[in-house]
PDB file of N, CA and C in Angstrom:
ATOM      1  N   MET A   1      -4.795 -20.743  55.846  1.00  0.00           N
ATOM      2  CA  MET A   1      -5.253 -21.683  54.834  1.00  0.00           C
ATOM      3  C   MET A   1      -6.230 -22.605  55.514  1.00  0.00           C
ATOM      4  N   LYS A   2      -5.951 -23.109  56.663  1.00  0.00           N
ATOM      5  CA  LYS A   2      -6.775 -24.090  57.283  1.00  0.00           C
ATOM      6  C   LYS A   2      -8.238 -23.528  57.376  1.00  0.00           C
ATOM      7  N   PHE A   3      -8.429 -22.270  57.747  1.00  0.00           N
ATOM      8  CA  PHE A   3      -9.713 -21.707  57.801  1.00  0.00           C
ATOM      9  C   PHE A   3     -10.449 -21.826  56.406  1.00  0.00           C
ATOM     10  N   ALA A   4      -9.715 -21.469  55.394  1.00  0.00           N
ATOM     11  CA  ALA A   4     -10.335 -21.546  54.079  1.00  0.00           C
ATOM     12  C   ALA A   4     -10.715 -22.847  53.655  1.00  0.00           C
ATOM     13  N   ARG A   5      -9.809 -23.708  53.931  1.00  0.00           N
ATOM     14  CA  ARG A   5     -10.157 -25.310  53.623  1.00  0.00           C
ATOM     15  C   ARG A   5     -11.453 -25.726  54.444  1.00  0.00           C
ATOM     16  N   TRP A   6     -11.573 -25.367  55.687  1.00  0.00           N
ATOM     17  CA  TRP A   6     -12.765 -25.838  56.474  1.00  0.00           C
ATOM     18  C   TRP A   6     -13.929 -25.021  55.939  1.00  0.00           C
ATOM     19  N   VAL A   7     -13.962 -23.795  55.599  1.00  0.00           N
ATOM     20  CA  VAL A   7     -15.108 -23.018  55.130  1.00  0.00           C
ATOM     21  C   VAL A   7     -15.590 -23.584  53.769  1.00  0.00           C
ATOM     22  N   PHE A   8     -14.688 -23.742  52.843  1.00  0.00           N
ATOM     23  CA  PHE A   8     -15.202 -24.343  51.557  1.00  0.00           C
ATOM     24  C   PHE A   8     -15.609 -25.787  51.662  1.00  0.00           C
ATOM     25  N   LEU A   9     -14.976 -26.626  52.484  1.00  0.00           N
ATOM     26  CA  LEU A   9     -15.457 -27.916  52.548  1.00  0.00           C
ATOM     27  C   LEU A   9     -16.886 -27.916  53.323  1.00  0.00           C
ATOM     28  N   PHE A  10     -17.061 -27.239  54.231  1.00  0.00           N
ATOM     29  CA  PHE A  10     -18.372 -27.115  54.806  1.00  0.00           C
ATOM     30  C   PHE A  10     -19.381 -26.595  53.859  1.00  0.00           C
ATOM     31  N   ALA A  11     -19.083 -25.628  53.083  1.00  0.00           N
ATOM     32  CA  ALA A  11     -20.095 -25.091  52.133  1.00  0.00           C
ATOM     33  C   ALA A  11     -20.408 -26.147  51.171  1.00  0.00           C
ATOM     34  N   ALA A  12     -19.408 -26.924  50.709  1.00  0.00           N
ATOM     35  CA  ALA A  12     -19.706 -27.842  49.634  1.00  0.00           C
ATOM     36  C   ALA A  12     -20.513 -28.980  50.279  1.00  0.00           C
ATOM     37  N   ILE A  13     -20.239 -29.493  51.518  1.00  0.00           N
ATOM     38  CA  ILE A  13     -21.098 -30.487  51.993  1.00  0.00           C
ATOM     39  C   ILE A  13     -22.568 -30.003  52.326  1.00  0.00           C
ATOM     40  N   TYR A  14     -22.555 -28.807  52.892  1.00  0.00           N
ATOM     41  CA  TYR A  14     -23.889 -28.196  53.080  1.00  0.00           C
ATOM     42  C   TYR A  14     -24.746 -28.215  51.752  1.00  0.00           C
ATOM     43  N   GLY A  15     -24.051 -27.617  50.771  1.00  0.00           N
ATOM     44  CA  GLY A  15     -24.702 -27.520  49.406  1.00  0.00           C
ATOM     45  C   GLY A  15     -25.166 -28.874  48.881  1.00  0.00           C
ATOM     46  N   VAL A  16     -24.343 -29.787  48.816  1.00  0.00           N
ATOM     47  CA  VAL A  16     -24.773 -31.078  48.330  1.00  0.00           C
ATOM     48  C   VAL A  16     -25.942 -31.580  49.080  1.00  0.00           C
ATOM     49  N   LEU A  17     -25.897 -31.578  50.467  1.00  0.00           N
ATOM     50  CA  LEU A  17     -26.934 -32.033  51.269  1.00  0.00           C
ATOM     51  C   LEU A  17     -28.354 -31.182  51.100  1.00  0.00           C
ATOM     52  N   ALA A  18     -28.188 -30.070  50.749  1.00  0.00           N
ATOM     53  CA  ALA A  18     -29.375 -29.106  50.453  1.00  0.00           C
ATOM     54  C   ALA A  18     -29.828 -29.314  49.136  1.00  0.00           C
ATOM     55  N   LEU A  19     -28.989 -29.584  48.131  1.00  0.00           N
ATOM     56  CA  LEU A  19     -29.469 -29.598  46.766  1.00  0.00           C
ATOM     57  C   LEU A  19     -29.934 -31.021  46.224  1.00  0.00           C
ATOM     58  N   VAL A  20     -29.238 -32.073  46.592  1.00  0.00           N
ATOM     59  CA  VAL A  20     -29.547 -33.229  46.009  1.00  0.00           C
ATOM     60  C   VAL A  20     -30.982 -33.829  46.258  1.00  0.00           C
ATOM     61  N   PRO A  21     -31.510 -33.629  47.491  1.00  0.00           N
ATOM     62  CA  PRO A  21     -32.914 -33.986  47.729  1.00  0.00           C
ATOM     63  C   PRO A  21     -33.833 -33.130  46.821  1.00  0.00           C
ATOM     64  N   MET A  22     -33.551 -31.985  46.396  1.00  0.00           N
ATOM     65  CA  MET A  22     -34.423 -31.225  45.604  1.00  0.00           C
ATOM     66  C   MET A  22     -34.652 -31.897  44.180  1.00  0.00           C
ATOM     67  N   TYR A  23     -33.878 -32.815  43.830  1.00  0.00           N
ATOM     68  CA  TYR A  23     -34.211 -33.598  42.585  1.00  0.00           C
ATOM     69  C   TYR A  23     -35.441 -34.416  42.789  1.00  0.00           C
ATOM     70  N   PHE A  24     -35.744 -34.763  44.065  1.00  0.00           N
ATOM     71  CA  PHE A  24     -36.920 -35.672  44.305  1.00  0.00           C
ATOM     72  C   PHE A  24     -38.086 -34.919  45.016  1.00  0.00           C
ATOM     73  N   GLN A  25     -37.976 -33.575  44.999  1.00  0.00           N
ATOM     74  CA  GLN A  25     -39.080 -32.818  45.687  1.00  0.00           C
ATOM     75  C   GLN A  25     -39.995 -31.969  44.689  1.00  0.00           C
ATOM     76  N   GLU A  26     -39.792 -32.098  43.473  1.00  0.00           N
ATOM     77  CA  GLU A  26     -40.632 -31.197  42.571  1.00  0.00           C
ATOM     78  C   GLU A  26     -42.108 -31.414  42.914  1.00  0.00           C
ATOM     79  N   ALA A  27     -42.649 -32.675  43.186  1.00  0.00           N
ATOM     80  CA  ALA A  27     -44.024 -32.873  43.383  1.00  0.00           C
ATOM     81  C   ALA A  27     -44.560 -32.179  44.571  1.00  0.00           C
ATOM     82  N   MET A  28     -43.614 -31.805  45.541  1.00  0.00           N
ATOM     83  CA  MET A  28     -43.946 -31.172  46.833  1.00  0.00           C
ATOM     84  C   MET A  28     -44.143 -29.546  46.628  1.00  0.00           C
ATOM     85  N   LEU A  29     -43.737 -29.034  45.391  1.00  0.00           N
ATOM     86  CA  LEU A  29     -43.812 -27.699  45.241  1.00  0.00           C
ATOM     87  C   LEU A  29     -45.348 -27.325  44.949  1.00  0.00           C
ATOM     88  N   ALA A  30     -45.676 -26.075  45.635  1.00  0.00           N
ATOM     89  CA  ALA A  30     -46.999 -25.569  45.303  1.00  0.00           C
ATOM     90  C   ALA A  30     -46.693 -24.021  44.967  1.00  0.00           C
ATOM     91  N   PRO A  31     -47.386 -23.560  43.931  1.00  0.00           N
ATOM     92  CA  PRO A  31     -48.022 -24.259  42.917  1.00  0.00           C
ATOM     93  C   PRO A  31     -47.020 -24.996  41.980  1.00  0.00           C
ATOM     94  N   ALA A  32     -47.608 -25.901  41.206  1.00  0.00           N
ATOM     95  CA  ALA A  32     -46.864 -26.854  40.370  1.00  0.00           C
ATOM     96  C   ALA A  32     -45.926 -25.925  39.437  1.00  0.00           C
ATOM     97  N   LEU A  33     -44.698 -26.625  39.184  1.00  0.00           N
ATOM     98  CA  LEU A  33     -43.726 -25.878  38.364  1.00  0.00           C
ATOM     99  C   LEU A  33     -44.249 -25.620  36.882  1.00  0.00           C
ATOM    100  N   THR A  34     -44.088 -24.441  36.333  1.00  0.00           N
ATOM    101  CA  THR A  34     -44.519 -24.143  35.062  1.00  0.00           C
ATOM    102  C   THR A  34     -43.310 -24.292  34.049  1.00  0.00           C
ATOM    103  N   HIS A  35     -42.097 -24.109  34.803  1.00  0.00           N
ATOM    104  CA  HIS A  35     -40.895 -24.267  33.808  1.00  0.00           C
ATOM    105  C   HIS A  35     -39.830 -25.188  34.580  1.00  0.00           C
ATOM    106  N   PRO A  36     -40.084 -26.584  34.541  1.00  0.00           N
ATOM    107  CA  PRO A  36     -39.167 -27.330  35.297  1.00  0.00           C
ATOM    108  C   PRO A  36     -37.792 -27.351  34.819  1.00  0.00           C
ATOM    109  N   GLU A  37     -37.468 -26.927  33.622  1.00  0.00           N
ATOM    110  CA  GLU A  37     -36.063 -26.727  33.134  1.00  0.00           C
ATOM    111  C   GLU A  37     -35.300 -25.735  33.927  1.00  0.00           C
ATOM    112  N   PHE A  38     -35.979 -24.703  34.538  1.00  0.00           N
ATOM    113  CA  PHE A  38     -35.344 -23.688  35.258  1.00  0.00           C
ATOM    114  C   PHE A  38     -35.005 -24.342  36.660  1.00  0.00           C
ATOM    115  N   TYR A  39     -35.956 -25.152  37.162  1.00  0.00           N
ATOM    116  CA  TYR A  39     -35.784 -25.843  38.522  1.00  0.00           C
ATOM    117  C   TYR A  39     -34.593 -26.662  38.519  1.00  0.00           C
ATOM    118  N   TYR A  40     -34.655 -27.713  37.462  1.00  0.00           N
ATOM    119  CA  TYR A  40     -33.645 -28.759  37.470  1.00  0.00           C
ATOM    120  C   TYR A  40     -32.325 -28.056  36.844  1.00  0.00           C
ATOM    121  N   GLY A  41     -32.347 -27.083  36.087  1.00  0.00           N
ATOM    122  CA  GLY A  41     -31.204 -26.439  35.690  1.00  0.00           C
ATOM    123  C   GLY A  41     -30.423 -25.626  36.810  1.00  0.00           C
ATOM    124  N   PHE A  42     -31.217 -24.996  37.727  1.00  0.00           N
ATOM    125  CA  PHE A  42     -30.576 -24.405  38.901  1.00  0.00           C
ATOM    126  C   PHE A  42     -30.066 -25.398  39.815  1.00  0.00           C
ATOM    127  N   ILE A  43     -30.573 -26.608  40.050  1.00  0.00           N
ATOM    128  CA  ILE A  43     -29.980 -27.676  40.873  1.00  0.00           C
ATOM    129  C   ILE A  43     -28.588 -28.048  40.238  1.00  0.00           C
ATOM    130  N   GLY A  44     -28.666 -28.330  38.924  1.00  0.00           N
ATOM    131  CA  GLY A  44     -27.439 -28.818  38.189  1.00  0.00           C
ATOM    132  C   GLY A  44     -26.288 -27.817  38.377  1.00  0.00           C
ATOM    133  N   VAL A  45     -26.607 -26.484  37.977  1.00  0.00           N
ATOM    134  CA  VAL A  45     -25.633 -25.525  38.181  1.00  0.00           C
ATOM    135  C   VAL A  45     -25.176 -25.236  39.531  1.00  0.00           C
ATOM    136  N   ALA A  46     -26.003 -25.238  40.517  1.00  0.00           N
ATOM    137  CA  ALA A  46     -25.634 -25.171  41.934  1.00  0.00           C
ATOM    138  C   ALA A  46     -24.739 -26.436  42.400  1.00  0.00           C
ATOM    139  N   LEU A  47     -25.098 -27.530  41.931  1.00  0.00           N
ATOM    140  CA  LEU A  47     -24.175 -28.649  42.229  1.00  0.00           C
ATOM    141  C   LEU A  47     -22.784 -28.482  41.681  1.00  0.00           C
ATOM    142  N   ALA A  48     -22.660 -27.986  40.513  1.00  0.00           N
ATOM    143  CA  ALA A  48     -21.360 -27.778  39.944  1.00  0.00           C
ATOM    144  C   ALA A  48     -20.591 -26.758  40.753  1.00  0.00           C
ATOM    145  N   TRP A  49     -21.191 -25.836  41.293  1.00  0.00           N
ATOM    146  CA  TRP A  49     -20.560 -24.939  42.262  1.00  0.00           C
ATOM    147  C   TRP A  49     -19.940 -25.684  43.461  1.00  0.00           C
ATOM    148  N   GLN A  50     -20.648 -26.731  43.906  1.00  0.00           N
ATOM    149  CA  GLN A  50     -20.239 -27.393  44.986  1.00  0.00           C
ATOM    150  C   GLN A  50     -18.871 -28.194  44.692  1.00  0.00           C
ATOM    151  N   VAL A  51     -18.724 -28.557  43.486  1.00  0.00           N
ATOM    152  CA  VAL A  51     -17.442 -29.124  43.066  1.00  0.00           C
ATOM    153  C   VAL A  51     -16.362 -28.154  43.054  1.00  0.00           C
ATOM    154  N   LEU A  52     -16.661 -26.903  42.739  1.00  0.00           N
ATOM    155  CA  LEU A  52     -15.660 -25.840  42.802  1.00  0.00           C
ATOM    156  C   LEU A  52     -15.270 -25.566  44.192  1.00  0.00           C
ATOM    157  N   PHE A  53     -16.276 -25.658  45.074  1.00  0.00           N
ATOM    158  CA  PHE A  53     -15.982 -25.438  46.516  1.00  0.00           C
ATOM    159  C   PHE A  53     -15.006 -26.491  47.107  1.00  0.00           C
ATOM    160  N   LEU A  54     -15.244 -27.795  46.599  1.00  0.00           N
ATOM    161  CA  LEU A  54     -14.366 -28.840  47.005  1.00  0.00           C
ATOM    162  C   LEU A  54     -12.985 -28.618  46.517  1.00  0.00           C
ATOM    163  N   GLN A  55     -12.847 -28.140  45.302  1.00  0.00           N
ATOM    164  CA  GLN A  55     -11.503 -27.844  44.826  1.00  0.00           C
ATOM    165  C   GLN A  55     -10.825 -26.595  45.597  1.00  0.00           C
ATOM    166  N   LEU A  56     -11.684 -25.745  45.985  1.00  0.00           N
ATOM    167  CA  LEU A  56     -11.079 -24.599  46.758  1.00  0.00           C
ATOM    168  C   LEU A  56     -10.673 -25.171  48.156  1.00  0.00           C
ATOM    169  N   ALA A  57     -11.388 -26.108  48.733  1.00  0.00           N
ATOM    170  CA  ALA A  57     -11.071 -26.664  49.955  1.00  0.00           C
ATOM    171  C   ALA A  57      -9.743 -27.501  49.890  1.00  0.00           C
ATOM    172  N   ARG A  58      -9.552 -28.078  48.834  1.00  0.00           N
ATOM    173  CA  ARG A  58      -8.231 -28.832  48.544  1.00  0.00           C
ATOM    174  C   ARG A  58      -7.042 -28.015  48.445  1.00  0.00           C
ATOM    175  N   ASP A  59      -7.084 -26.896  47.744  1.00  0.00           N
ATOM    176  CA  ASP A  59      -5.973 -26.066  47.768  1.00  0.00           C
ATOM    177  C   ASP A  59      -6.350 -24.570  47.525  1.00  0.00           C
ATOM    178  N   PRO A  60      -6.739 -23.984  48.655  1.00  0.00           N
ATOM    179  CA  PRO A  60      -7.185 -22.809  48.658  1.00  0.00           C
ATOM    180  C   PRO A  60      -6.287 -21.551  48.160  1.00  0.00           C
ATOM    181  N   LEU A  61      -4.999 -21.790  48.282  1.00  0.00           N
ATOM    182  CA  LEU A  61      -3.997 -20.706  47.990  1.00  0.00           C
ATOM    183  C   LEU A  61      -3.855 -20.785  46.398  1.00  0.00           C
ATOM    184  N   ARG A  62      -3.784 -21.887  45.813  1.00  0.00           N
ATOM    185  CA  ARG A  62      -3.769 -22.023  44.365  1.00  0.00           C
ATOM    186  C   ARG A  62      -4.943 -21.491  43.676  1.00  0.00           C
ATOM    187  N   HIS A  63      -6.083 -21.753  44.295  1.00  0.00           N
ATOM    188  CA  HIS A  63      -7.302 -21.389  43.633  1.00  0.00           C
ATOM    189  C   HIS A  63      -7.981 -20.160  44.183  1.00  0.00           C
ATOM    190  N   ARG A  64      -7.135 -19.384  44.932  1.00  0.00           N
ATOM    191  CA  ARG A  64      -7.716 -18.078  45.583  1.00  0.00           C
ATOM    192  C   ARG A  64      -8.475 -17.224  44.568  1.00  0.00           C
ATOM    193  N   PRO A  65      -7.891 -17.003  43.473  1.00  0.00           N
ATOM    194  CA  PRO A  65      -8.674 -16.140  42.445  1.00  0.00           C
ATOM    195  C   PRO A  65     -10.208 -16.663  42.190  1.00  0.00           C
ATOM    196  N   LEU A  66     -10.506 -17.997  42.337  1.00  0.00           N
ATOM    197  CA  LEU A  66     -11.758 -18.465  42.172  1.00  0.00           C
ATOM    198  C   LEU A  66     -12.720 -18.237  43.255  1.00  0.00           C
ATOM    199  N   MET A  67     -12.095 -17.733  44.455  1.00  0.00           N
ATOM    200  CA  MET A  67     -12.927 -17.287  45.581  1.00  0.00           C
ATOM    201  C   MET A  67     -13.828 -16.157  45.236  1.00  0.00           C
ATOM    202  N   ILE A  68     -13.451 -15.327  44.300  1.00  0.00           N
ATOM    203  CA  ILE A  68     -14.126 -14.119  43.900  1.00  0.00           C
ATOM    204  C   ILE A  68     -15.515 -14.570  43.215  1.00  0.00           C
ATOM    205  N   PRO A  69     -15.426 -15.382  42.179  1.00  0.00           N
ATOM    206  CA  PRO A  69     -16.843 -15.831  41.557  1.00  0.00           C
ATOM    207  C   PRO A  69     -17.570 -16.606  42.614  1.00  0.00           C
ATOM    208  N   ALA A  70     -16.911 -17.314  43.524  1.00  0.00           N
ATOM    209  CA  ALA A  70     -17.573 -18.149  44.555  1.00  0.00           C
ATOM    210  C   ALA A  70     -18.485 -17.222  45.410  1.00  0.00           C
ATOM    211  N   MET A  71     -17.869 -16.051  45.786  1.00  0.00           N
ATOM    212  CA  MET A  71     -18.522 -15.023  46.564  1.00  0.00           C
ATOM    213  C   MET A  71     -19.667 -14.469  45.870  1.00  0.00           C
ATOM    214  N   LEU A  72     -19.511 -14.287  44.548  1.00  0.00           N
ATOM    215  CA  LEU A  72     -20.646 -13.665  43.660  1.00  0.00           C
ATOM    216  C   LEU A  72     -21.712 -14.691  43.509  1.00  0.00           C
ATOM    217  N   GLU A  73     -21.410 -15.917  43.603  1.00  0.00           N
ATOM    218  CA  GLU A  73     -22.462 -16.920  43.466  1.00  0.00           C
ATOM    219  C   GLU A  73     -23.331 -16.869  44.731  1.00  0.00           C
ATOM    220  N   LYS A  74     -22.633 -16.817  45.869  1.00  0.00           N
ATOM    221  CA  LYS A  74     -23.463 -16.738  47.150  1.00  0.00           C
ATOM    222  C   LYS A  74     -24.222 -15.473  47.263  1.00  0.00           C
ATOM    223  N   LEU A  75     -23.491 -14.450  46.882  1.00  0.00           N
ATOM    224  CA  LEU A  75     -24.207 -13.073  46.959  1.00  0.00           C
ATOM    225  C   LEU A  75     -25.480 -13.035  46.048  1.00  0.00           C
ATOM    226  N   GLY A  76     -25.302 -13.620  44.784  1.00  0.00           N
ATOM    227  CA  GLY A  76     -26.364 -13.463  43.857  1.00  0.00           C
ATOM    228  C   GLY A  76     -27.712 -14.200  44.496  1.00  0.00           C
ATOM    229  N   PHE A  77     -27.575 -15.312  44.930  1.00  0.00           N
ATOM    230  CA  PHE A  77     -28.740 -16.033  45.492  1.00  0.00           C
ATOM    231  C   PHE A  77     -29.202 -15.324  46.746  1.00  0.00           C
ATOM    232  N   GLY A  78     -28.324 -14.900  47.671  1.00  0.00           N
ATOM    233  CA  GLY A  78     -28.753 -14.334  48.923  1.00  0.00           C
ATOM    234  C   GLY A  78     -29.480 -13.039  48.658  1.00  0.00           C
ATOM    235  N   LEU A  79     -29.051 -12.205  47.767  1.00  0.00           N
ATOM    236  CA  LEU A  79     -29.548 -10.891  47.641  1.00  0.00           C
ATOM    237  C   LEU A  79     -30.996 -11.091  46.861  1.00  0.00           C
ATOM    238  N   ALA A  80     -31.048 -12.142  46.004  1.00  0.00           N
ATOM    239  CA  ALA A  80     -32.305 -12.390  45.294  1.00  0.00           C
ATOM    240  C   ALA A  80     -33.319 -12.704  46.300  1.00  0.00           C
ATOM    241  N   MET A  81     -33.000 -13.508  47.283  1.00  0.00           N
ATOM    242  CA  MET A  81     -33.916 -14.016  48.248  1.00  0.00           C
ATOM    243  C   MET A  81     -34.396 -12.801  49.158  1.00  0.00           C
ATOM    244  N   LEU A  82     -33.443 -11.884  49.549  1.00  0.00           N
ATOM    245  CA  LEU A  82     -33.758 -10.744  50.289  1.00  0.00           C
ATOM    246  C   LEU A  82     -34.846  -9.896  49.531  1.00  0.00           C
ATOM    247  N   VAL A  83     -34.628  -9.598  48.251  1.00  0.00           N
ATOM    248  CA  VAL A  83     -35.435  -8.747  47.504  1.00  0.00           C
ATOM    249  C   VAL A  83     -36.789  -9.426  47.285  1.00  0.00           C
ATOM    250  N   LEU A  84     -36.853 -10.660  47.063  1.00  0.00           N
ATOM    251  CA  LEU A  84     -38.060 -11.436  46.963  1.00  0.00           C
ATOM    252  C   LEU A  84     -38.866 -11.296  48.161  1.00  0.00           C
ATOM    253  N   TYR A  85     -38.277 -11.488  49.344  1.00  0.00           N
ATOM    254  CA  TYR A  85     -38.935 -11.556  50.567  1.00  0.00           C
ATOM    255  C   TYR A  85     -39.579 -10.057  50.887  1.00  0.00           C
ATOM    256  N   ALA A  86     -38.663  -9.107  50.559  1.00  0.00           N
ATOM    257  CA  ALA A  86     -39.111  -7.716  50.791  1.00  0.00           C
ATOM    258  C   ALA A  86     -40.398  -7.411  49.916  1.00  0.00           C
ATOM    259  N   GLN A  87     -40.448  -8.058  48.788  1.00  0.00           N
ATOM    260  CA  GLN A  87     -41.634  -7.918  47.940  1.00  0.00           C
ATOM    261  C   GLN A  87     -42.890  -8.719  48.303  1.00  0.00           C
ATOM    262  N   HIS A  88     -42.672  -9.597  49.341  1.00  0.00           N
ATOM    263  CA  HIS A  88     -43.790 -10.457  49.854  1.00  0.00           C
ATOM    264  C   HIS A  88     -43.994 -11.584  48.799  1.00  0.00           C
ATOM    265  N   ARG A  89     -42.884 -11.999  48.209  1.00  0.00           N
ATOM    266  CA  ARG A  89     -43.049 -13.096  47.125  1.00  0.00           C
ATOM    267  C   ARG A  89     -42.365 -14.343  47.476  1.00  0.00           C
ATOM    268  N   LEU A  90     -41.820 -14.410  48.694  1.00  0.00           N
ATOM    269  CA  LEU A  90     -40.951 -15.420  49.081  1.00  0.00           C
ATOM    270  C   LEU A  90     -41.472 -15.848  50.563  1.00  0.00           C
ATOM    271  N   PRO A  91     -41.457 -17.206  50.864  1.00  0.00           N
ATOM    272  CA  PRO A  91     -41.733 -17.636  52.204  1.00  0.00           C
ATOM    273  C   PRO A  91     -40.467 -17.525  53.116  1.00  0.00           C
ATOM    274  N   THR A  92     -40.659 -17.539  54.248  1.00  0.00           N
ATOM    275  CA  THR A  92     -39.627 -17.220  55.260  1.00  0.00           C
ATOM    276  C   THR A  92     -38.564 -18.350  55.249  1.00  0.00           C
ATOM    277  N   ARG A  93     -38.975 -19.596  54.956  1.00  0.00           N
ATOM    278  CA  ARG A  93     -37.900 -20.625  54.846  1.00  0.00           C
ATOM    279  C   ARG A  93     -36.884 -20.231  53.867  1.00  0.00           C
ATOM    280  N   MET A  94     -37.307 -19.775  52.661  1.00  0.00           N
ATOM    281  CA  MET A  94     -36.496 -19.505  51.547  1.00  0.00           C
ATOM    282  C   MET A  94     -35.608 -18.317  51.962  1.00  0.00           C
ATOM    283  N   LEU A  95     -36.131 -17.399  52.654  1.00  0.00           N
ATOM    284  CA  LEU A  95     -35.291 -16.157  53.101  1.00  0.00           C
ATOM    285  C   LEU A  95     -34.177 -16.775  53.951  1.00  0.00           C
ATOM    286  N   LEU A  96     -34.464 -17.785  54.785  1.00  0.00           N
ATOM    287  CA  LEU A  96     -33.418 -18.365  55.625  1.00  0.00           C
ATOM    288  C   LEU A  96     -32.300 -18.938  54.771  1.00  0.00           C
ATOM    289  N   ALA A  97     -32.707 -19.594  53.644  1.00  0.00           N
ATOM    290  CA  ALA A  97     -31.752 -20.197  52.751  1.00  0.00           C
ATOM    291  C   ALA A  97     -30.950 -19.198  52.219  1.00  0.00           C
ATOM    292  N   GLY A  98     -31.410 -18.131  51.842  1.00  0.00           N
ATOM    293  CA  GLY A  98     -30.759 -16.866  51.235  1.00  0.00           C
ATOM    294  C   GLY A  98     -29.752 -16.314  52.293  1.00  0.00           C
ATOM    295  N   CYS A  99     -30.219 -16.372  53.557  1.00  0.00           N
ATOM    296  CA  CYS A  99     -29.239 -15.807  54.593  1.00  0.00           C
ATOM    297  C   CYS A  99     -28.096 -16.732  54.824  1.00  0.00           C
ATOM    298  N   VAL A 100     -28.337 -18.051  54.725  1.00  0.00           N
ATOM    299  CA  VAL A 100     -27.315 -19.003  54.752  1.00  0.00           C
ATOM    300  C   VAL A 100     -26.198 -18.698  53.696  1.00  0.00           C
ATOM    301  N   ASP A 101     -26.677 -18.423  52.533  1.00  0.00           N
ATOM    302  CA  ASP A 101     -25.730 -18.198  51.401  1.00  0.00           C
ATOM    303  C   ASP A 101     -25.009 -16.899  51.727  1.00  0.00           C
ATOM    304  N   LEU A 102     -25.661 -15.890  52.184  1.00  0.00           N
ATOM    305  CA  LEU A 102     -25.064 -14.624  52.564  1.00  0.00           C
ATOM    306  C   LEU A 102     -23.906 -14.803  53.646  1.00  0.00           C
ATOM    307  N   LEU A 103     -24.196 -15.615  54.568  1.00  0.00           N
ATOM    308  CA  LEU A 103     -23.236 -16.144  55.667  1.00  0.00           C
ATOM    309  C   LEU A 103     -22.031 -16.727  54.931  1.00  0.00           C
ATOM    310  N   PHE A 104     -22.293 -17.636  54.028  1.00  0.00           N
ATOM    311  CA  PHE A 104     -21.227 -18.238  53.372  1.00  0.00           C
ATOM    312  C   PHE A 104     -20.377 -17.192  52.485  1.00  0.00           C
ATOM    313  N   MET A 105     -21.026 -16.282  51.930  1.00  0.00           N
ATOM    314  CA  MET A 105     -20.382 -15.266  51.138  1.00  0.00           C
ATOM    315  C   MET A 105     -19.481 -14.477  52.029  1.00  0.00           C
ATOM    316  N   ALA A 106     -19.995 -14.195  53.363  1.00  0.00           N
ATOM    317  CA  ALA A 106     -19.071 -13.410  54.288  1.00  0.00           C
ATOM    318  C   ALA A 106     -17.926 -14.290  54.711  1.00  0.00           C
ATOM    319  N   LEU A 107     -18.050 -15.716  54.993  1.00  0.00           N
ATOM    320  CA  LEU A 107     -17.003 -16.508  55.221  1.00  0.00           C
ATOM    321  C   LEU A 107     -16.045 -16.689  54.116  1.00  0.00           C
ATOM    322  N   PHE A 108     -16.481 -16.710  52.951  1.00  0.00           N
ATOM    323  CA  PHE A 108     -15.688 -16.713  51.729  1.00  0.00           C
ATOM    324  C   PHE A 108     -14.636 -15.523  51.629  1.00  0.00           C
ATOM    325  N   LEU A 109     -15.481 -14.426  51.942  1.00  0.00           N
ATOM    326  CA  LEU A 109     -14.641 -13.199  51.828  1.00  0.00           C
ATOM    327  C   LEU A 109     -13.568 -13.070  52.857  1.00  0.00           C
ATOM    328  N   LEU A 110     -13.893 -13.553  54.100  1.00  0.00           N
ATOM    329  CA  LEU A 110     -13.008 -13.670  55.206  1.00  0.00           C
ATOM    330  C   LEU A 110     -11.773 -14.625  54.872  1.00  0.00           C
ATOM    331  N   ALA A 111     -12.127 -15.705  54.368  1.00  0.00           N
ATOM    332  CA  ALA A 111     -11.112 -16.653  53.829  1.00  0.00           C
ATOM    333  C   ALA A 111     -10.124 -16.003  52.835  1.00  0.00           C
ATOM    334  N   TRP A 112     -10.757 -15.329  51.834  1.00  0.00           N
ATOM    335  CA  TRP A 112     -10.028 -14.653  50.844  1.00  0.00           C
ATOM    336  C   TRP A 112      -9.074 -13.555  51.415  1.00  0.00           C
ATOM    337  N   TRP A 113      -9.696 -12.842  52.306  1.00  0.00           N
ATOM    338  CA  TRP A 113      -8.912 -11.763  52.917  1.00  0.00           C
ATOM    339  C   TRP A 113      -7.754 -12.257  53.734  1.00  0.00           C
ATOM    340  N   ARG A 114      -7.950 -13.291  54.569  1.00  0.00           N
ATOM    341  CA  ARG A 114      -6.978 -13.908  55.370  1.00  0.00           C
ATOM    342  C   ARG A 114      -5.880 -14.477  54.653  1.00  0.00           C
ATOM    343  N   MET A 115      -6.006 -14.772  53.428  1.00  0.00           N
ATOM    344  CA  MET A 115      -4.967 -15.399  52.532  1.00  0.00           C
ATOM    345  C   MET A 115      -4.229 -14.364  51.743  1.00  0.00           C
ATOM    346  N   ARG A 116      -4.463 -13.076  51.888  1.00  0.00           N
ATOM    347  CA  ARG A 116      -3.896 -12.012  50.977  1.00  0.00           C
ATOM    348  C   ARG A 116      -2.441 -11.909  51.029  1.00  0.00           C
ATOM    349  N   HIS A 117      -1.800 -12.296  52.323  1.00  0.00           N
ATOM    350  CA  HIS A 117      -0.407 -12.157  52.444  1.00  0.00           C
ATOM    351  C   HIS A 117       0.381 -13.316  52.078  1.00  0.00           C
ATOM    352  N   HIS A 118      -0.319 -14.414  51.682  1.00  0.00           N
ATOM    353  CA  HIS A 118       0.467 -15.658  51.166  1.00  0.00           C
ATOM    354  C   HIS A 118       0.888 -15.406  49.779  1.00  0.00           C
ATOM    355  N   GLY A 119       2.085 -15.834  49.528  1.00  0.00           N
ATOM    356  CA  GLY A 119       2.720 -15.605  48.158  1.00  0.00           C
ATOM    357  C   GLY A 119       1.905 -16.401  47.034  1.00  0.00           C
ATOM    358  N   PRO A 120       2.180 -16.114  45.819  1.00  0.00           N
ATOM    359  CA  PRO A 120       1.537 -16.839  44.828  1.00  0.00           C
ATOM    360  C   PRO A 120       2.210 -18.242  44.736  1.00  0.00           C
ATOM    361  N   VAL A 121       1.320 -19.117  44.241  1.00  0.00           N
ATOM    362  CA  VAL A 121       1.740 -20.600  44.225  1.00  0.00           C
ATOM    363  C   VAL A 121       2.740 -20.686  42.996  1.00  0.00           C
ATOM    364  N   ALA A 122       3.820 -21.346  43.264  1.00  0.00           N
ATOM    365  CA  ALA A 122       4.754 -21.689  42.201  1.00  0.00           C
ATOM    366  C   ALA A 122       4.161 -22.679  41.111  1.00  0.00           C
ATOM    367  N   ARG A 123       4.359 -22.438  39.772  1.00  0.00           N
ATOM    368  CA  ARG A 123       3.789 -23.356  38.855  1.00  0.00           C
ATOM    369  C   ARG A 123       4.758 -24.227  38.179  1.00  0.00           C
TER     370      ARG A 123
END
């Protein structure tokens, strides 16, 4: 369980540090945003996931079923970045961000797998 705690805590901290500055970087984007609602909506939803990662870090055994959607969240962004890069529609720095998410997805999977023999939490 200690591994899962550290993985999800690190993912949450990394996510907050990567996402919060994006609220102040819209002007740096080129070309200019045509749909800022998608940009800010993405940041808000992604920050909400960081809260879930913090919950998982606090009590990974109790919240183990939530690790599956957490893995899907990381997989969704990571695969999208790979596909866009393969289509020459994405800069390398964004590919690296996608690879970080794929790494976290693999760590989430490992954490989930390592906890498979722990019994269910008494309610």
